[in-house]
Amino acid sequence: MTRALVTSSLIAMMSTSALAGDITVYTSYEEDEAAAFLDLAREALPDVNINMLRLSTGDLAARIIAEKGNPQHDVVWGFAASTIVNPQIKDTLEPYKPAGVEAIPAAFRAKDGTWFAVTGYMAAFCVNNERLEKLGLEMPTSWADLTDPAFKGEVVMPNPASSGTGYIQVSSLLQMKGAEQGWAFLDDLDKNIAQYIKSGSKPCHAASAGEYTVGASYDMRAIKNIKEGFPISMVIPAEGSGNELEANALVASSKNKEDARRFLDWTVTDEAATAYLKWKAIVTIPGGTMPQHFLDAGLPADTNSVLHPTDFEAAANDRDAILAEWQGRYE
């Protein structure tokens, strides 16, 4: 999605310095997630006026880079780790370690302290059970299964040039297989792709509606659609699921760092972790209980067991080259 969710006071702030008690948060959390988390943050910090701008990962990255000379925000919240490490964005950040952040495994924190991730998502297939049976197809269990000629025209996936979900799928496959074998695999997969869709969630919606058999999407979209009664199964690819962390960080130019730090402190509290678990399959803060409907949909209790290790810096550094190659081959 590219629509912005903006509080009324944010617009007025864009041309003025932040006042004490005011902070502006930029986020790429989905709109419903962001709204739910923000309500809790405001309850926890009643003396802080928290303004929020929500944009998709690509649009928010472009905005942060465009504003680099004069940042308009104090905090980055729920933003793709593979994008926050972009030097043009990372250079705008200041190291900060919230109280309690040490409980988050080191793999989910920047070594220099510039960001930490409390949530994330993973690649997953939405498979329409009715269409699968009608066409006499076997349930796919892996990316490799989707290259079977029997699935020709039955698979949709996100366009990596517009979708963070799509990019992490492509990037993770290249990291798994290496460049030469990875591109050869993507060539084979492309033969069966009906279309590349702009959004990370729409492939799942298309499969849920019975328009296609398989929509390459992400975990929570599959879980939500299953809960809503759509005739789909969620499949975590057997090769290991490409995944994205959602990072938080302090902006170096913040004019209200005290309250910005208080907000970041809140993001690693038990209260925040409990809220994340209602919306996210990957929560890096230890403790808490995964909702039963997540497990019923097929998500393992230990999500780490199905994740493919992702090199987020490589994903960021290679992004332009990967997208140029991808567009040259498939567009």
C-alpha atoms as a PDB file:
ATOM      1  CA  MET A   1       0.000   0.000   0.000  1.00  0.00           C
ATOM      2  CA  THR A   2       1.162   3.542  -0.652  1.00  0.00           C
ATOM      3  CA  ARG A   3      -1.563   5.567   1.062  1.00  0.00           C
ATOM      4  CA  ALA A   4      -0.339   7.655   3.968  1.00  0.00           C
ATOM      5  CA  LEU A   5      -1.854   7.548   7.433  1.00  0.00           C
ATOM      6  CA  VAL A   6      -1.130  10.987   8.864  1.00  0.00           C
ATOM      7  CA  THR A   7      -2.372  12.591  12.059  1.00  0.00           C
ATOM      8  CA  SER A   8      -3.757  16.080  11.615  1.00  0.00           C
ATOM      9  CA  SER A   9      -1.028  17.706  13.666  1.00  0.00           C
ATOM     10  CA  LEU A  10       1.748  16.179  11.561  1.00  0.00           C
ATOM     11  CA  ILE A  11       0.953  18.382   8.586  1.00  0.00           C
ATOM     12  CA  ALA A  12       1.353  21.490  10.709  1.00  0.00           C
ATOM     13  CA  MET A  13       4.641  20.209  12.076  1.00  0.00           C
ATOM     14  CA  MET A  14       6.270  19.614   8.718  1.00  0.00           C
ATOM     15  CA  SER A  15       7.411  23.242   8.469  1.00  0.00           C
ATOM     16  CA  THR A  16       8.233  23.829  12.137  1.00  0.00           C
ATOM     17  CA  SER A  17      10.566  22.430  14.733  1.00  0.00           C
ATOM     18  CA  ALA A  18       9.172  19.771  17.043  1.00  0.00           C
ATOM     19  CA  LEU A  19       8.146  21.092  20.445  1.00  0.00           C
ATOM     20  CA  ALA A  20       8.904  19.458  23.755  1.00  0.00           C
ATOM     21  CA  GLY A  21       6.443  16.619  24.175  1.00  0.00           C
ATOM     22  CA  ASP A  22       6.014  16.167  20.419  1.00  0.00           C
ATOM     23  CA  ILE A  23       7.644  13.472  18.309  1.00  0.00           C
ATOM     24  CA  THR A  24       7.080  12.354  14.745  1.00  0.00           C
ATOM     25  CA  VAL A  25       7.320   8.670  13.912  1.00  0.00           C
ATOM     26  CA  TYR A  26       7.780   7.312  10.386  1.00  0.00           C
ATOM     27  CA  THR A  27       6.608   3.721   9.921  1.00  0.00           C
ATOM     28  CA  SER A  28       5.984   1.049   7.301  1.00  0.00           C
ATOM     29  CA  TYR A  29       3.834  -1.169   9.476  1.00  0.00           C
ATOM     30  CA  GLU A  30       0.574  -2.065   7.760  1.00  0.00           C
ATOM     31  CA  GLU A  31      -2.106   0.531   8.499  1.00  0.00           C
ATOM     32  CA  ASP A  32      -4.150  -1.626  10.878  1.00  0.00           C
ATOM     33  CA  GLU A  33      -1.046  -2.793  12.741  1.00  0.00           C
ATOM     34  CA  ALA A  34       0.338   0.732  13.023  1.00  0.00           C
ATOM     35  CA  ALA A  35      -2.933   2.107  14.340  1.00  0.00           C
ATOM     36  CA  ALA A  36      -3.236  -0.613  17.001  1.00  0.00           C
ATOM     37  CA  PHE A  37       0.367  -0.214  18.168  1.00  0.00           C
ATOM     38  CA  LEU A  38       0.112   3.581  18.172  1.00  0.00           C
ATOM     39  CA  ASP A  39      -2.974   3.530  20.408  1.00  0.00           C
ATOM     40  CA  LEU A  40      -1.038   1.536  23.012  1.00  0.00           C
ATOM     41  CA  ALA A  41       2.017   3.777  22.774  1.00  0.00           C
ATOM     42  CA  ARG A  42      -0.127   6.849  23.349  1.00  0.00           C
ATOM     43  CA  GLU A  43      -1.689   5.223  26.408  1.00  0.00           C
ATOM     44  CA  ALA A  44       1.752   4.383  27.784  1.00  0.00           C
ATOM     45  CA  LEU A  45       3.133   7.887  27.061  1.00  0.00           C
ATOM     46  CA  PRO A  46       0.167  10.202  27.687  1.00  0.00           C
ATOM     47  CA  ASP A  47       2.372  13.290  28.000  1.00  0.00           C
ATOM     48  CA  VAL A  48       3.912  12.794  24.543  1.00  0.00           C
ATOM     49  CA  ASN A  49       2.109  13.920  21.396  1.00  0.00           C
ATOM     50  CA  ILE A  50       3.026  11.101  18.985  1.00  0.00           C
ATOM     51  CA  ASN A  51       2.507  12.004  15.336  1.00  0.00           C
ATOM     52  CA  MET A  52       2.758   9.222  12.767  1.00  0.00           C
ATOM     53  CA  LEU A  53       3.294   9.004   9.028  1.00  0.00           C
ATOM     54  CA  ARG A  54       2.738   5.587   7.465  1.00  0.00           C
ATOM     55  CA  LEU A  55       4.039   4.753   3.978  1.00  0.00           C
ATOM     56  CA  SER A  56       5.078   1.595   2.159  1.00  0.00           C
ATOM     57  CA  THR A  57       8.734   0.623   2.500  1.00  0.00           C
ATOM     58  CA  GLY A  58       9.800   1.983  -0.890  1.00  0.00           C
ATOM     59  CA  ASP A  59       7.892   5.248  -0.557  1.00  0.00           C
ATOM     60  CA  LEU A  60       9.114   5.828   2.976  1.00  0.00           C
ATOM     61  CA  ALA A  61      12.712   5.147   1.989  1.00  0.00           C
ATOM     62  CA  ALA A  62      12.423   7.690  -0.816  1.00  0.00           C
ATOM     63  CA  ARG A  63      10.983  10.252   1.584  1.00  0.00           C
ATOM     64  CA  ILE A  64      13.713   9.751   4.205  1.00  0.00           C
ATOM     65  CA  ILE A  65      16.410  10.086   1.556  1.00  0.00           C
ATOM     66  CA  ALA A  66      14.762  13.183   0.060  1.00  0.00           C
ATOM     67  CA  GLU A  67      14.577  14.771   3.526  1.00  0.00           C
ATOM     68  CA  LYS A  68      18.095  13.724   4.502  1.00  0.00           C
ATOM     69  CA  GLY A  69      19.327  17.320   4.689  1.00  0.00           C
ATOM     70  CA  ASN A  70      16.456  18.289   6.982  1.00  0.00           C
ATOM     71  CA  PRO A  71      14.756  15.227   8.516  1.00  0.00           C
ATOM     72  CA  GLN A  72      11.178  15.810   9.597  1.00  0.00           C
ATOM     73  CA  HIS A  73      10.936  12.852  11.978  1.00  0.00           C
ATOM     74  CA  ASP A  74      12.377  11.711  15.296  1.00  0.00           C
ATOM     75  CA  VAL A  75      11.928   7.947  15.126  1.00  0.00           C
ATOM     76  CA  VAL A  76      11.906   5.214  12.493  1.00  0.00           C
ATOM     77  CA  TRP A  77       9.547   2.424  13.540  1.00  0.00           C
ATOM     78  CA  GLY A  78       8.774  -0.928  11.933  1.00  0.00           C
ATOM     79  CA  PHE A  79      10.931  -0.254   8.852  1.00  0.00           C
ATOM     80  CA  ALA A  80      12.563  -2.954   6.719  1.00  0.00           C
ATOM     81  CA  ALA A  81      16.008  -3.938   7.999  1.00  0.00           C
ATOM     82  CA  SER A  82      17.164  -4.564   4.435  1.00  0.00           C
ATOM     83  CA  THR A  83      16.399  -0.895   3.701  1.00  0.00           C
ATOM     84  CA  ILE A  84      17.390   0.830   6.923  1.00  0.00           C
ATOM     85  CA  VAL A  85      21.001  -0.290   6.325  1.00  0.00           C
ATOM     86  CA  ASN A  86      21.098   1.780   3.124  1.00  0.00           C
ATOM     87  CA  PRO A  87      23.910   4.287   3.883  1.00  0.00           C
ATOM     88  CA  GLN A  88      21.705   7.216   2.823  1.00  0.00           C
ATOM     89  CA  ILE A  89      19.241   6.216   5.533  1.00  0.00           C
ATOM     90  CA  LYS A  90      21.612   4.799   8.130  1.00  0.00           C
ATOM     91  CA  ASP A  91      23.642   8.024   8.070  1.00  0.00           C
ATOM     92  CA  THR A  92      20.591   9.852   9.462  1.00  0.00           C
ATOM     93  CA  LEU A  93      20.472   7.613  12.563  1.00  0.00           C
ATOM     94  CA  GLU A  94      22.095   7.797  15.978  1.00  0.00           C
ATOM     95  CA  PRO A  95      22.984   4.713  18.039  1.00  0.00           C
ATOM     96  CA  TYR A  96      20.605   4.067  20.901  1.00  0.00           C
ATOM     97  CA  LYS A  97      20.071   1.000  23.059  1.00  0.00           C
ATOM     98  CA  PRO A  98      16.732   1.066  24.868  1.00  0.00           C
ATOM     99  CA  ALA A  99      16.474  -0.351  28.356  1.00  0.00           C
ATOM    100  CA  GLY A 100      15.947  -4.090  27.992  1.00  0.00           C
ATOM    101  CA  VAL A 101      17.115  -4.322  24.390  1.00  0.00           C
ATOM    102  CA  GLU A 102      19.799  -6.825  25.440  1.00  0.00           C
ATOM    103  CA  ALA A 103      17.016  -9.434  25.757  1.00  0.00           C
ATOM    104  CA  ILE A 104      16.629  -9.281  21.971  1.00  0.00           C
ATOM    105  CA  PRO A 105      19.084 -11.698  20.300  1.00  0.00           C
ATOM    106  CA  ALA A 106      22.109 -10.007  18.751  1.00  0.00           C
ATOM    107  CA  ALA A 107      21.100 -11.232  15.284  1.00  0.00           C
ATOM    108  CA  PHE A 108      18.177  -8.802  15.425  1.00  0.00           C
ATOM    109  CA  ARG A 109      20.242  -5.757  16.403  1.00  0.00           C
ATOM    110  CA  ALA A 110      22.768  -3.653  14.489  1.00  0.00           C
ATOM    111  CA  LYS A 111      26.300  -4.174  15.771  1.00  0.00           C
ATOM    112  CA  ASP A 112      26.816  -0.411  15.981  1.00  0.00           C
ATOM    113  CA  GLY A 113      23.542   0.122  17.856  1.00  0.00           C
ATOM    114  CA  THR A 114      21.864   2.186  15.138  1.00  0.00           C
ATOM    115  CA  TRP A 115      18.791  -0.053  14.903  1.00  0.00           C
ATOM    116  CA  PHE A 116      17.059  -2.988  16.514  1.00  0.00           C
ATOM    117  CA  ALA A 117      14.180  -5.117  15.277  1.00  0.00           C
ATOM    118  CA  VAL A 118      11.271  -6.299  17.399  1.00  0.00           C
ATOM    119  CA  THR A 119       9.087  -7.788  14.656  1.00  0.00           C
ATOM    120  CA  GLY A 120       9.305  -9.312  11.204  1.00  0.00           C
ATOM    121  CA  TYR A 121       7.562 -11.374   8.567  1.00  0.00           C
ATOM    122  CA  MET A 122       8.384 -14.343   6.367  1.00  0.00           C
ATOM    123  CA  ALA A 123       7.576 -15.569   2.884  1.00  0.00           C
ATOM    124  CA  ALA A 124       4.658 -17.985   2.620  1.00  0.00           C
ATOM    125  CA  PHE A 125       2.464 -19.419  -0.112  1.00  0.00           C
ATOM    126  CA  CYS A 126      -1.313 -19.089  -0.123  1.00  0.00           C
ATOM    127  CA  VAL A 127      -2.619 -22.211  -1.899  1.00  0.00           C
ATOM    128  CA  ASN A 128      -6.258 -22.421  -2.950  1.00  0.00           C
ATOM    129  CA  ASN A 129      -7.386 -25.906  -1.905  1.00  0.00           C
ATOM    130  CA  GLU A 130     -10.437 -25.989  -4.165  1.00  0.00           C
ATOM    131  CA  ARG A 131      -8.560 -24.932  -7.297  1.00  0.00           C
ATOM    132  CA  LEU A 132      -5.732 -27.326  -6.456  1.00  0.00           C
ATOM    133  CA  GLU A 133      -8.185 -30.238  -6.293  1.00  0.00           C
ATOM    134  CA  LYS A 134     -10.077 -29.137  -9.387  1.00  0.00           C
ATOM    135  CA  LEU A 135      -6.883 -29.063 -11.448  1.00  0.00           C
ATOM    136  CA  GLY A 136      -5.564 -32.306  -9.953  1.00  0.00           C
ATOM    137  CA  LEU A 137      -2.391 -30.692  -8.628  1.00  0.00           C
ATOM    138  CA  GLU A 138      -0.291 -31.828  -5.684  1.00  0.00           C
ATOM    139  CA  MET A 139       0.085 -29.468  -2.737  1.00  0.00           C
ATOM    140  CA  PRO A 140       3.376 -27.606  -3.293  1.00  0.00           C
ATOM    141  CA  THR A 141       5.770 -27.669  -0.370  1.00  0.00           C
ATOM    142  CA  SER A 142       8.689 -25.689  -1.784  1.00  0.00           C
ATOM    143  CA  TRP A 143       9.759 -23.058  -4.278  1.00  0.00           C
ATOM    144  CA  ALA A 144      11.098 -25.909  -6.400  1.00  0.00           C
ATOM    145  CA  ASP A 145       7.592 -27.394  -6.649  1.00  0.00           C
ATOM    146  CA  LEU A 146       6.350 -24.164  -8.224  1.00  0.00           C
ATOM    147  CA  THR A 147       8.611 -24.727 -11.247  1.00  0.00           C
ATOM    148  CA  ASP A 148       6.693 -27.912 -12.166  1.00  0.00           C
ATOM    149  CA  PRO A 149       5.100 -27.328 -15.596  1.00  0.00           C
ATOM    150  CA  ALA A 150       1.778 -28.416 -14.074  1.00  0.00           C
ATOM    151  CA  PHE A 151       1.669 -25.011 -12.331  1.00  0.00           C
ATOM    152  CA  LYS A 152       2.097 -23.000 -15.537  1.00  0.00           C
ATOM    153  CA  GLY A 153      -0.105 -19.908 -15.297  1.00  0.00           C
ATOM    154  CA  GLU A 154      -1.226 -20.839 -11.787  1.00  0.00           C
ATOM    155  CA  VAL A 155       1.280 -18.828  -9.736  1.00  0.00           C
ATOM    156  CA  VAL A 156       1.339 -15.116  -8.908  1.00  0.00           C
ATOM    157  CA  MET A 157       3.950 -13.312  -6.847  1.00  0.00           C
ATOM    158  CA  PRO A 158       4.830  -9.737  -5.871  1.00  0.00           C
ATOM    159  CA  ASN A 159       6.914  -7.516  -8.109  1.00  0.00           C
ATOM    160  CA  PRO A 160      10.183  -7.008  -6.207  1.00  0.00           C
ATOM    161  CA  ALA A 161      10.601  -3.529  -7.669  1.00  0.00           C
ATOM    162  CA  SER A 162       7.484  -2.300  -5.846  1.00  0.00           C
ATOM    163  CA  SER A 163       7.000  -4.752  -3.005  1.00  0.00           C
ATOM    164  CA  GLY A 164       9.268  -5.311  -0.021  1.00  0.00           C
ATOM    165  CA  THR A 165       7.796  -8.799   0.272  1.00  0.00           C
ATOM    166  CA  GLY A 166       8.592  -9.495  -3.360  1.00  0.00           C
ATOM    167  CA  TYR A 167      12.143  -8.220  -3.012  1.00  0.00           C
ATOM    168  CA  ILE A 168      12.922 -10.326   0.039  1.00  0.00           C
ATOM    169  CA  GLN A 169      11.566 -13.403  -1.779  1.00  0.00           C
ATOM    170  CA  VAL A 170      13.851 -12.848  -4.765  1.00  0.00           C
ATOM    171  CA  SER A 171      16.831 -11.757  -2.673  1.00  0.00           C
ATOM    172  CA  SER A 172      16.547 -14.754  -0.349  1.00  0.00           C
ATOM    173  CA  LEU A 173      16.400 -17.191  -3.271  1.00  0.00           C
ATOM    174  CA  LEU A 174      19.569 -15.633  -4.682  1.00  0.00           C
ATOM    175  CA  GLN A 175      21.241 -15.846  -1.273  1.00  0.00           C
ATOM    176  CA  MET A 176      20.190 -19.492  -0.895  1.00  0.00           C
ATOM    177  CA  LYS A 177      21.382 -20.630  -4.295  1.00  0.00           C
ATOM    178  CA  GLY A 178      24.086 -18.175  -5.284  1.00  0.00           C
ATOM    179  CA  ALA A 179      23.785 -15.766  -8.204  1.00  0.00           C
ATOM    180  CA  GLU A 180      24.231 -18.169 -11.130  1.00  0.00           C
ATOM    181  CA  GLN A 181      21.958 -20.946  -9.885  1.00  0.00           C
ATOM    182  CA  GLY A 182      19.573 -18.435  -8.345  1.00  0.00           C
ATOM    183  CA  TRP A 183      18.910 -16.606 -11.600  1.00  0.00           C
ATOM    184  CA  ALA A 184      18.581 -19.916 -13.433  1.00  0.00           C
ATOM    185  CA  PHE A 185      15.974 -20.953 -10.873  1.00  0.00           C
ATOM    186  CA  LEU A 186      14.090 -17.658 -11.232  1.00  0.00           C
ATOM    187  CA  ASP A 187      14.095 -18.175 -15.016  1.00  0.00           C
ATOM    188  CA  ASP A 188      12.392 -21.539 -14.489  1.00  0.00           C
ATOM    189  CA  LEU A 189       9.945 -20.071 -12.011  1.00  0.00           C
ATOM    190  CA  ASP A 190       9.074 -17.221 -14.385  1.00  0.00           C
ATOM    191  CA  LYS A 191       7.759 -19.733 -16.918  1.00  0.00           C
ATOM    192  CA  ASN A 192       4.900 -20.518 -14.531  1.00  0.00           C
ATOM    193  CA  ILE A 193       4.172 -16.999 -13.267  1.00  0.00           C
ATOM    194  CA  ALA A 194       0.838 -15.630 -14.489  1.00  0.00           C
ATOM    195  CA  GLN A 195       1.649 -12.124 -13.334  1.00  0.00           C
ATOM    196  CA  TYR A 196       3.812 -10.119 -10.957  1.00  0.00           C
ATOM    197  CA  ILE A 197       1.613  -8.016  -8.697  1.00  0.00           C
ATOM    198  CA  LYS A 198       2.604  -4.689  -7.125  1.00  0.00           C
ATOM    199  CA  SER A 199       1.595  -5.583  -3.568  1.00  0.00           C
ATOM    200  CA  GLY A 200       2.877  -8.270  -1.203  1.00  0.00           C
ATOM    201  CA  SER A 201      -0.626  -9.122   0.013  1.00  0.00           C
ATOM    202  CA  LYS A 202      -2.513  -9.189  -3.308  1.00  0.00           C
ATOM    203  CA  PRO A 203      -1.083 -12.516  -4.524  1.00  0.00           C
ATOM    204  CA  CYS A 204      -2.645 -14.125  -1.455  1.00  0.00           C
ATOM    205  CA  HIS A 205      -5.924 -12.334  -2.087  1.00  0.00           C
ATOM    206  CA  ALA A 206      -5.901 -13.533  -5.713  1.00  0.00           C
ATOM    207  CA  ALA A 207      -5.328 -17.137  -4.640  1.00  0.00           C
ATOM    208  CA  SER A 208      -7.928 -16.812  -1.882  1.00  0.00           C
ATOM    209  CA  ALA A 209     -10.484 -15.661  -4.458  1.00  0.00           C
ATOM    210  CA  GLY A 210      -9.726 -18.689  -6.645  1.00  0.00           C
ATOM    211  CA  GLU A 211      -8.239 -16.655  -9.491  1.00  0.00           C
ATOM    212  CA  TYR A 212      -4.976 -18.626  -9.255  1.00  0.00           C
ATOM    213  CA  THR A 213      -3.814 -21.683  -7.370  1.00  0.00           C
ATOM    214  CA  VAL A 214      -0.764 -20.218  -5.623  1.00  0.00           C
ATOM    215  CA  GLY A 215      -0.053 -16.721  -4.400  1.00  0.00           C
ATOM    216  CA  ALA A 216       3.486 -16.151  -3.125  1.00  0.00           C
ATOM    217  CA  SER A 217       2.909 -13.775  -0.244  1.00  0.00           C
ATOM    218  CA  TYR A 218       3.753 -13.585   3.466  1.00  0.00           C
ATOM    219  CA  ASP A 219       2.778 -15.320   6.684  1.00  0.00           C
ATOM    220  CA  MET A 220       0.289 -12.936   8.297  1.00  0.00           C
ATOM    221  CA  ARG A 221      -1.707 -12.338   5.137  1.00  0.00           C
ATOM    222  CA  ALA A 222      -2.156 -16.088   4.770  1.00  0.00           C
ATOM    223  CA  ILE A 223      -3.096 -16.471   8.441  1.00  0.00           C
ATOM    224  CA  LYS A 224      -5.646 -13.643   8.265  1.00  0.00           C
ATOM    225  CA  ASN A 225      -7.262 -15.007   5.106  1.00  0.00           C
ATOM    226  CA  ILE A 226      -7.508 -18.487   6.606  1.00  0.00           C
ATOM    227  CA  LYS A 227      -9.142 -17.020   9.723  1.00  0.00           C
ATOM    228  CA  GLU A 228     -11.610 -15.157   7.501  1.00  0.00           C
ATOM    229  CA  GLY A 229     -12.699 -18.474   6.010  1.00  0.00           C
ATOM    230  CA  PHE A 230     -11.025 -18.493   2.608  1.00  0.00           C
ATOM    231  CA  PRO A 231     -10.329 -22.027   1.274  1.00  0.00           C
ATOM    232  CA  ILE A 232      -6.550 -21.751   1.361  1.00  0.00           C
ATOM    233  CA  SER A 233      -3.610 -23.453   3.031  1.00  0.00           C
ATOM    234  CA  MET A 234      -0.470 -21.653   4.136  1.00  0.00           C
ATOM    235  CA  VAL A 235       2.778 -23.259   3.000  1.00  0.00           C
ATOM    236  CA  ILE A 236       6.173 -22.251   4.375  1.00  0.00           C
ATOM    237  CA  PRO A 237       8.671 -23.172   1.622  1.00  0.00           C
ATOM    238  CA  ALA A 238      10.807 -26.168   2.529  1.00  0.00           C
ATOM    239  CA  GLU A 239      14.024 -24.480   1.380  1.00  0.00           C
ATOM    240  CA  GLY A 240      13.616 -22.049   4.262  1.00  0.00           C
ATOM    241  CA  SER A 241      11.549 -18.900   4.322  1.00  0.00           C
ATOM    242  CA  GLY A 242      13.045 -15.627   3.211  1.00  0.00           C
ATOM    243  CA  ASN A 243      12.235 -13.064   5.860  1.00  0.00           C
ATOM    244  CA  GLU A 244      12.373  -9.393   6.663  1.00  0.00           C
ATOM    245  CA  LEU A 245      12.915  -7.738  10.020  1.00  0.00           C
ATOM    246  CA  GLU A 246      11.145  -4.513  10.915  1.00  0.00           C
ATOM    247  CA  ALA A 247      13.559  -2.125  12.584  1.00  0.00           C
ATOM    248  CA  ASN A 248      13.331   0.805  14.995  1.00  0.00           C
ATOM    249  CA  ALA A 249      15.834   3.637  15.303  1.00  0.00           C
ATOM    250  CA  LEU A 250      16.536   7.094  16.691  1.00  0.00           C
ATOM    251  CA  VAL A 251      17.007   9.933  14.193  1.00  0.00           C
ATOM    252  CA  ALA A 252      20.216  11.863  14.894  1.00  0.00           C
ATOM    253  CA  SER A 253      18.665  15.275  14.167  1.00  0.00           C
ATOM    254  CA  SER A 254      15.679  14.773  16.484  1.00  0.00           C
ATOM    255  CA  LYS A 255      14.826  17.942  18.385  1.00  0.00           C
ATOM    256  CA  ASN A 256      13.165  15.959  21.163  1.00  0.00           C
ATOM    257  CA  LYS A 257      15.456  13.031  21.797  1.00  0.00           C
ATOM    258  CA  GLU A 258      14.273  12.547  25.372  1.00  0.00           C
ATOM    259  CA  ASP A 259      10.754  11.629  24.300  1.00  0.00           C
ATOM    260  CA  ALA A 260      11.982   9.850  21.169  1.00  0.00           C
ATOM    261  CA  ARG A 261      14.079   7.615  23.424  1.00  0.00           C
ATOM    262  CA  ARG A 262      11.102   7.057  25.730  1.00  0.00           C
ATOM    263  CA  PHE A 263       9.071   5.921  22.738  1.00  0.00           C
ATOM    264  CA  LEU A 264      11.828   3.522  21.660  1.00  0.00           C
ATOM    265  CA  ASP A 265      12.046   2.234  25.238  1.00  0.00           C
ATOM    266  CA  TRP A 266       8.325   1.444  25.077  1.00  0.00           C
ATOM    267  CA  THR A 267       8.763  -0.568  21.861  1.00  0.00           C
ATOM    268  CA  VAL A 268      10.742  -3.250  23.743  1.00  0.00           C
ATOM    269  CA  THR A 269       8.421  -3.551  26.756  1.00  0.00           C
ATOM    270  CA  ASP A 270       6.380  -6.632  27.607  1.00  0.00           C
ATOM    271  CA  GLU A 271       3.247  -4.618  26.838  1.00  0.00           C
ATOM    272  CA  ALA A 272       4.461  -3.901  23.331  1.00  0.00           C
ATOM    273  CA  ALA A 273       5.554  -7.515  22.816  1.00  0.00           C
ATOM    274  CA  THR A 274       2.089  -8.743  23.791  1.00  0.00           C
ATOM    275  CA  ALA A 275       0.577  -6.410  21.189  1.00  0.00           C
ATOM    276  CA  TYR A 276       3.027  -7.505  18.494  1.00  0.00           C
ATOM    277  CA  LEU A 277       2.120 -11.164  19.057  1.00  0.00           C
ATOM    278  CA  LYS A 278      -1.457 -10.443  17.999  1.00  0.00           C
ATOM    279  CA  TRP A 279      -0.260  -9.240  14.602  1.00  0.00           C
ATOM    280  CA  LYS A 280       3.183 -10.714  13.900  1.00  0.00           C
ATOM    281  CA  ALA A 281       4.563 -14.207  13.394  1.00  0.00           C
ATOM    282  CA  ILE A 282       8.101 -13.026  14.133  1.00  0.00           C
ATOM    283  CA  VAL A 283       8.518 -11.260  17.474  1.00  0.00           C
ATOM    284  CA  THR A 284      12.116 -11.037  18.669  1.00  0.00           C
ATOM    285  CA  ILE A 285      11.347 -10.085  22.280  1.00  0.00           C
ATOM    286  CA  PRO A 286      11.477 -13.299  24.348  1.00  0.00           C
ATOM    287  CA  GLY A 287       8.370 -14.595  26.085  1.00  0.00           C
ATOM    288  CA  GLY A 288       4.722 -14.351  25.179  1.00  0.00           C
ATOM    289  CA  THR A 289       2.409 -16.878  23.610  1.00  0.00           C
ATOM    290  CA  MET A 290       1.624 -17.272  19.932  1.00  0.00           C
ATOM    291  CA  PRO A 291      -2.130 -17.071  19.222  1.00  0.00           C
ATOM    292  CA  GLN A 292      -3.770 -20.437  18.622  1.00  0.00           C
ATOM    293  CA  HIS A 293      -5.120 -19.439  15.208  1.00  0.00           C
ATOM    294  CA  PHE A 294      -1.517 -18.822  14.049  1.00  0.00           C
ATOM    295  CA  LEU A 295      -0.693 -22.427  14.981  1.00  0.00           C
ATOM    296  CA  ASP A 296      -3.947 -23.715  13.484  1.00  0.00           C
ATOM    297  CA  ALA A 297      -3.002 -22.047  10.188  1.00  0.00           C
ATOM    298  CA  GLY A 298       0.241 -24.022  10.106  1.00  0.00           C
ATOM    299  CA  LEU A 299       2.791 -21.655  11.606  1.00  0.00           C
ATOM    300  CA  PRO A 300       5.376 -23.494  13.715  1.00  0.00           C
ATOM    301  CA  ALA A 301       5.634 -22.468  17.360  1.00  0.00           C
ATOM    302  CA  ASP A 302       9.361 -21.899  16.779  1.00  0.00           C
ATOM    303  CA  THR A 303       9.477 -19.704  13.677  1.00  0.00           C
ATOM    304  CA  ASN A 304      13.278 -19.676  13.789  1.00  0.00           C
ATOM    305  CA  SER A 305      13.173 -23.320  12.678  1.00  0.00           C
ATOM    306  CA  VAL A 306      11.816 -22.380   9.242  1.00  0.00           C
ATOM    307  CA  LEU A 307      13.628 -19.103   8.542  1.00  0.00           C
ATOM    308  CA  HIS A 308      16.459 -18.907   6.052  1.00  0.00           C
ATOM    309  CA  PRO A 309      19.279 -16.774   7.513  1.00  0.00           C
ATOM    310  CA  THR A 310      19.104 -13.425   5.754  1.00  0.00           C
ATOM    311  CA  ASP A 311      22.056 -11.146   5.150  1.00  0.00           C
ATOM    312  CA  PHE A 312      20.242  -7.810   5.334  1.00  0.00           C
ATOM    313  CA  GLU A 313      23.277  -5.709   4.436  1.00  0.00           C
ATOM    314  CA  ALA A 314      23.849  -7.797   1.317  1.00  0.00           C
ATOM    315  CA  ALA A 315      20.155  -7.509   0.454  1.00  0.00           C
ATOM    316  CA  ALA A 316      20.464  -3.731   0.735  1.00  0.00           C
ATOM    317  CA  ASN A 317      23.794  -3.418  -1.090  1.00  0.00           C
ATOM    318  CA  ASP A 318      22.682  -5.667  -3.937  1.00  0.00           C
ATOM    319  CA  ARG A 319      19.195  -4.200  -4.309  1.00  0.00           C
ATOM    320  CA  ASP A 320      19.793  -1.937  -7.317  1.00  0.00           C
ATOM    321  CA  ALA A 321      21.727  -4.609  -9.216  1.00  0.00           C
ATOM    322  CA  ILE A 322      19.171  -7.312  -8.433  1.00  0.00           C
ATOM    323  CA  LEU A 323      16.220  -5.171  -9.490  1.00  0.00           C
ATOM    324  CA  ALA A 324      17.956  -4.068 -12.685  1.00  0.00           C
ATOM    325  CA  GLU A 325      18.679  -7.699 -13.570  1.00  0.00           C
ATOM    326  CA  TRP A 326      15.171  -8.792 -12.634  1.00  0.00           C
ATOM    327  CA  GLN A 327      13.500  -6.062 -14.699  1.00  0.00           C
ATOM    328  CA  GLY A 328      15.746  -6.826 -17.664  1.00  0.00           C
ATOM    329  CA  ARG A 329      14.759 -10.490 -17.553  1.00  0.00           C
ATOM    330  CA  TYR A 330      11.066 -10.424 -16.642  1.00  0.00           C
ATOM    331  CA  GLU A 331       9.521  -7.096 -17.561  1.00  0.00           C
END
